[in-house]
C-alpha atoms as a PDB file:
ATOM      1  CA  MET A   1       7.848 -44.150  24.942  1.00  0.00           C
ATOM      2  CA  LEU A   2       5.091 -41.620  24.704  1.00  0.00           C
ATOM      3  CA  ARG A   3       1.492 -43.130  25.354  1.00  0.00           C
ATOM      4  CA  VAL A   4      -1.237 -41.677  23.512  1.00  0.00           C
ATOM      5  CA  GLU A   5      -4.363 -40.736  25.426  1.00  0.00           C
ATOM      6  CA  SER A   6      -7.282 -42.591  24.326  1.00  0.00           C
ATOM      7  CA  PHE A   7     -10.707 -41.356  23.382  1.00  0.00           C
ATOM      8  CA  GLY A   8     -12.225 -42.478  26.612  1.00  0.00           C
ATOM      9  CA  GLU A   9      -9.590 -41.131  28.682  1.00  0.00           C
ATOM     10  CA  ARG A  10      -9.911 -37.705  26.752  1.00  0.00           C
ATOM     11  CA  LEU A  11     -13.583 -38.030  27.333  1.00  0.00           C
ATOM     12  CA  ARG A  12     -13.226 -38.728  31.063  1.00  0.00           C
ATOM     13  CA  ARG A  13     -10.531 -36.096  31.579  1.00  0.00           C
ATOM     14  CA  LEU A  14     -12.771 -33.407  29.740  1.00  0.00           C
ATOM     15  CA  ARG A  15     -15.993 -34.492  31.733  1.00  0.00           C
ATOM     16  CA  VAL A  16     -14.079 -34.154  34.931  1.00  0.00           C
ATOM     17  CA  ALA A  17     -12.508 -30.772  34.221  1.00  0.00           C
ATOM     18  CA  ARG A  18     -16.061 -29.384  33.252  1.00  0.00           C
ATOM     19  CA  GLY A  19     -17.153 -30.661  36.740  1.00  0.00           C
ATOM     20  CA  VAL A  20     -19.905 -32.613  35.248  1.00  0.00           C
ATOM     21  CA  SER A  21     -21.154 -36.360  36.312  1.00  0.00           C
ATOM     22  CA  CYS A  22     -21.588 -39.365  33.825  1.00  0.00           C
ATOM     23  CA  ALA A  23     -25.251 -38.685  34.611  1.00  0.00           C
ATOM     24  CA  GLN A  24     -25.402 -34.989  33.862  1.00  0.00           C
ATOM     25  CA  LEU A  25     -23.462 -35.674  30.518  1.00  0.00           C
ATOM     26  CA  ALA A  26     -25.591 -38.666  29.459  1.00  0.00           C
ATOM     27  CA  HIS A  27     -28.658 -36.630  30.148  1.00  0.00           C
ATOM     28  CA  ARG A  28     -27.350 -33.526  28.095  1.00  0.00           C
ATOM     29  CA  VAL A  29     -26.150 -35.484  24.932  1.00  0.00           C
ATOM     30  CA  GLY A  30     -29.405 -38.078  24.890  1.00  0.00           C
ATOM     31  CA  VAL A  31     -27.724 -41.004  25.900  1.00  0.00           C
ATOM     32  CA  THR A  32     -27.835 -43.522  29.034  1.00  0.00           C
ATOM     33  CA  GLU A  33     -25.257 -43.182  32.072  1.00  0.00           C
ATOM     34  CA  GLY A  34     -23.879 -46.447  31.168  1.00  0.00           C
ATOM     35  CA  ALA A  35     -23.143 -45.539  27.451  1.00  0.00           C
ATOM     36  CA  ILE A  36     -20.944 -42.781  28.963  1.00  0.00           C
ATOM     37  CA  ARG A  37     -19.374 -45.193  31.153  1.00  0.00           C
ATOM     38  CA  GLN A  38     -18.755 -47.453  28.383  1.00  0.00           C
ATOM     39  CA  MET A  39     -17.150 -44.887  26.221  1.00  0.00           C
ATOM     40  CA  GLU A  40     -14.702 -43.816  29.099  1.00  0.00           C
ATOM     41  CA  SER A  41     -13.745 -47.306  29.985  1.00  0.00           C
ATOM     42  CA  GLY A  42     -12.872 -48.155  26.186  1.00  0.00           C
ATOM     43  CA  GLN A  43     -15.752 -50.616  25.823  1.00  0.00           C
ATOM     44  CA  THR A  44     -17.057 -48.553  23.269  1.00  0.00           C
ATOM     45  CA  LYS A  45     -13.902 -47.317  21.111  1.00  0.00           C
ATOM     46  CA  MET A  46     -15.667 -44.185  19.549  1.00  0.00           C
ATOM     47  CA  ALA A  47     -19.252 -42.600  19.652  1.00  0.00           C
ATOM     48  CA  SER A  48     -21.438 -42.218  16.805  1.00  0.00           C
ATOM     49  CA  PHE A  49     -20.990 -38.961  14.827  1.00  0.00           C
ATOM     50  CA  VAL A  50     -23.910 -37.023  16.216  1.00  0.00           C
ATOM     51  CA  ILE A  51     -23.368 -38.091  19.788  1.00  0.00           C
ATOM     52  CA  GLY A  52     -19.736 -37.165  19.352  1.00  0.00           C
ATOM     53  CA  LEU A  53     -20.535 -33.708  18.216  1.00  0.00           C
ATOM     54  CA  ARG A  54     -23.143 -33.375  21.111  1.00  0.00           C
ATOM     55  CA  LEU A  55     -20.334 -34.542  23.584  1.00  0.00           C
ATOM     56  CA  ALA A  56     -17.710 -32.043  22.160  1.00  0.00           C
ATOM     57  CA  LYS A  57     -20.255 -29.424  22.499  1.00  0.00           C
ATOM     58  CA  GLU A  58     -21.189 -29.941  25.854  1.00  0.00           C
ATOM     59  CA  LEU A  59     -17.530 -30.506  27.229  1.00  0.00           C
ATOM     60  CA  GLY A  60     -16.364 -27.289  25.205  1.00  0.00           C
ATOM     61  CA  THR A  61     -13.722 -28.732  22.808  1.00  0.00           C
ATOM     62  CA  GLY A  62     -13.750 -29.364  19.040  1.00  0.00           C
ATOM     63  CA  ALA A  63     -15.040 -32.744  17.989  1.00  0.00           C
ATOM     64  CA  TRP A  64     -11.898 -33.424  16.060  1.00  0.00           C
ATOM     65  CA  TYR A  65      -9.742 -33.222  19.406  1.00  0.00           C
ATOM     66  CA  LEU A  66     -12.471 -35.165  21.250  1.00  0.00           C
ATOM     67  CA  ALA A  67     -12.020 -37.916  18.543  1.00  0.00           C
ATOM     68  CA  ASN A  68      -8.384 -37.926  17.881  1.00  0.00           C
ATOM     69  CA  GLY A  69      -6.438 -35.557  20.547  1.00  0.00           C
ATOM     70  CA  VAL A  70      -5.512 -33.326  17.651  1.00  0.00           C
ATOM     71  CA  PRO A  71      -6.707 -29.686  18.011  1.00  0.00           C
ATOM     72  CA  ASP A  72      -8.920 -28.438  15.127  1.00  0.00           C
ATOM     73  CA  ASP A  73      -6.500 -25.707  14.116  1.00  0.00           C
ATOM     74  CA  ALA A  74      -3.579 -28.168  14.006  1.00  0.00           C
ATOM     75  CA  GLU A  75      -1.266 -27.990  10.855  1.00  0.00           C
ATOM     76  CA  PRO A  76      -1.522 -31.300   9.147  1.00  0.00           C
ATOM     77  CA  PRO A  77       1.929 -33.228   8.803  1.00  0.00           C
ATOM     78  CA  ALA A  78       3.569 -32.228   5.574  1.00  0.00           C
ATOM     79  CA  ALA A  79       3.307 -34.971   2.773  1.00  0.00           C
ATOM     80  CA  PRO A  80       6.778 -36.297   1.644  1.00  0.00           C
ATOM     81  CA  ASP A  81       7.697 -34.794  -1.829  1.00  0.00           C
ATOM     82  CA  ALA A  82       7.387 -38.399  -3.392  1.00  0.00           C
ATOM     83  CA  ILE A  83       3.513 -38.681  -2.212  1.00  0.00           C
ATOM     84  CA  ALA A  84       2.934 -35.150  -3.126  1.00  0.00           C
ATOM     85  CA  LEU A  85       4.182 -35.843  -6.667  1.00  0.00           C
ATOM     86  CA  ARG A  86       1.895 -38.936  -7.061  1.00  0.00           C
ATOM     87  CA  VAL A  87      -0.987 -37.076  -5.536  1.00  0.00           C
ATOM     88  CA  ARG A  88      -0.426 -34.335  -8.175  1.00  0.00           C
ATOM     89  CA  ALA A  89      -0.041 -36.867 -10.944  1.00  0.00           C
ATOM     90  CA  LEU A  90      -3.335 -38.674 -10.178  1.00  0.00           C
ATOM     91  CA  GLU A  91      -5.119 -35.076 -10.011  1.00  0.00           C
ATOM     92  CA  ASP A  92      -3.617 -34.367 -13.557  1.00  0.00           C
ATOM     93  CA  ARG A  93      -4.980 -37.715 -14.670  1.00  0.00           C
ATOM     94  CA  ILE A  94      -8.530 -37.269 -13.467  1.00  0.00           C
ATOM     95  CA  SER A  95      -8.608 -33.728 -14.801  1.00  0.00           C
ATOM     96  CA  LEU A  96      -7.859 -35.290 -18.237  1.00  0.00           C
ATOM     97  CA  LEU A  97     -10.302 -37.981 -17.847  1.00  0.00           C
ATOM     98  CA  VAL A  98     -13.146 -35.516 -16.790  1.00  0.00           C
ATOM     99  CA  GLY A  99     -12.054 -33.313 -19.714  1.00  0.00           C
ATOM    100  CA  GLU A 100     -12.580 -36.447 -22.208  1.00  0.00           C
ATOM    101  CA  ARG A 101     -15.720 -37.046 -21.029  1.00  0.00           C
ATOM    102  CA  GLY A 102     -16.934 -33.363 -21.596  1.00  0.00           C
ATOM    103  CA  ARG A 103     -15.871 -33.532 -25.107  1.00  0.00           C
ATOM    104  CA  GLY A 104     -17.817 -36.682 -25.758  1.00  0.00           C
ATOM    105  CA  SER A 105     -14.833 -39.146 -26.212  1.00  0.00           C
END
């Protein structure tokens, strides 16, 4: 069974690959060294949005990749036909409702 890398593991791997200590990274993104250690150990499951953006920038990676392990340019999985059809039907219904409101109904 394939094991998926956690956010903390990915954060640590990227930090080590860049040759940056926990203290250096913490200083650069505006958090404590303990906060970085907690993220890497899994005590904090995910960084806040702004801290995540700062971490990604400092580590030279995309925020989406840092958060999810999926490259920013990866193709989204194709939706099964049944789901695509249901989404299209909902979009059509919403368009009709918006159109009726615009006519004062």
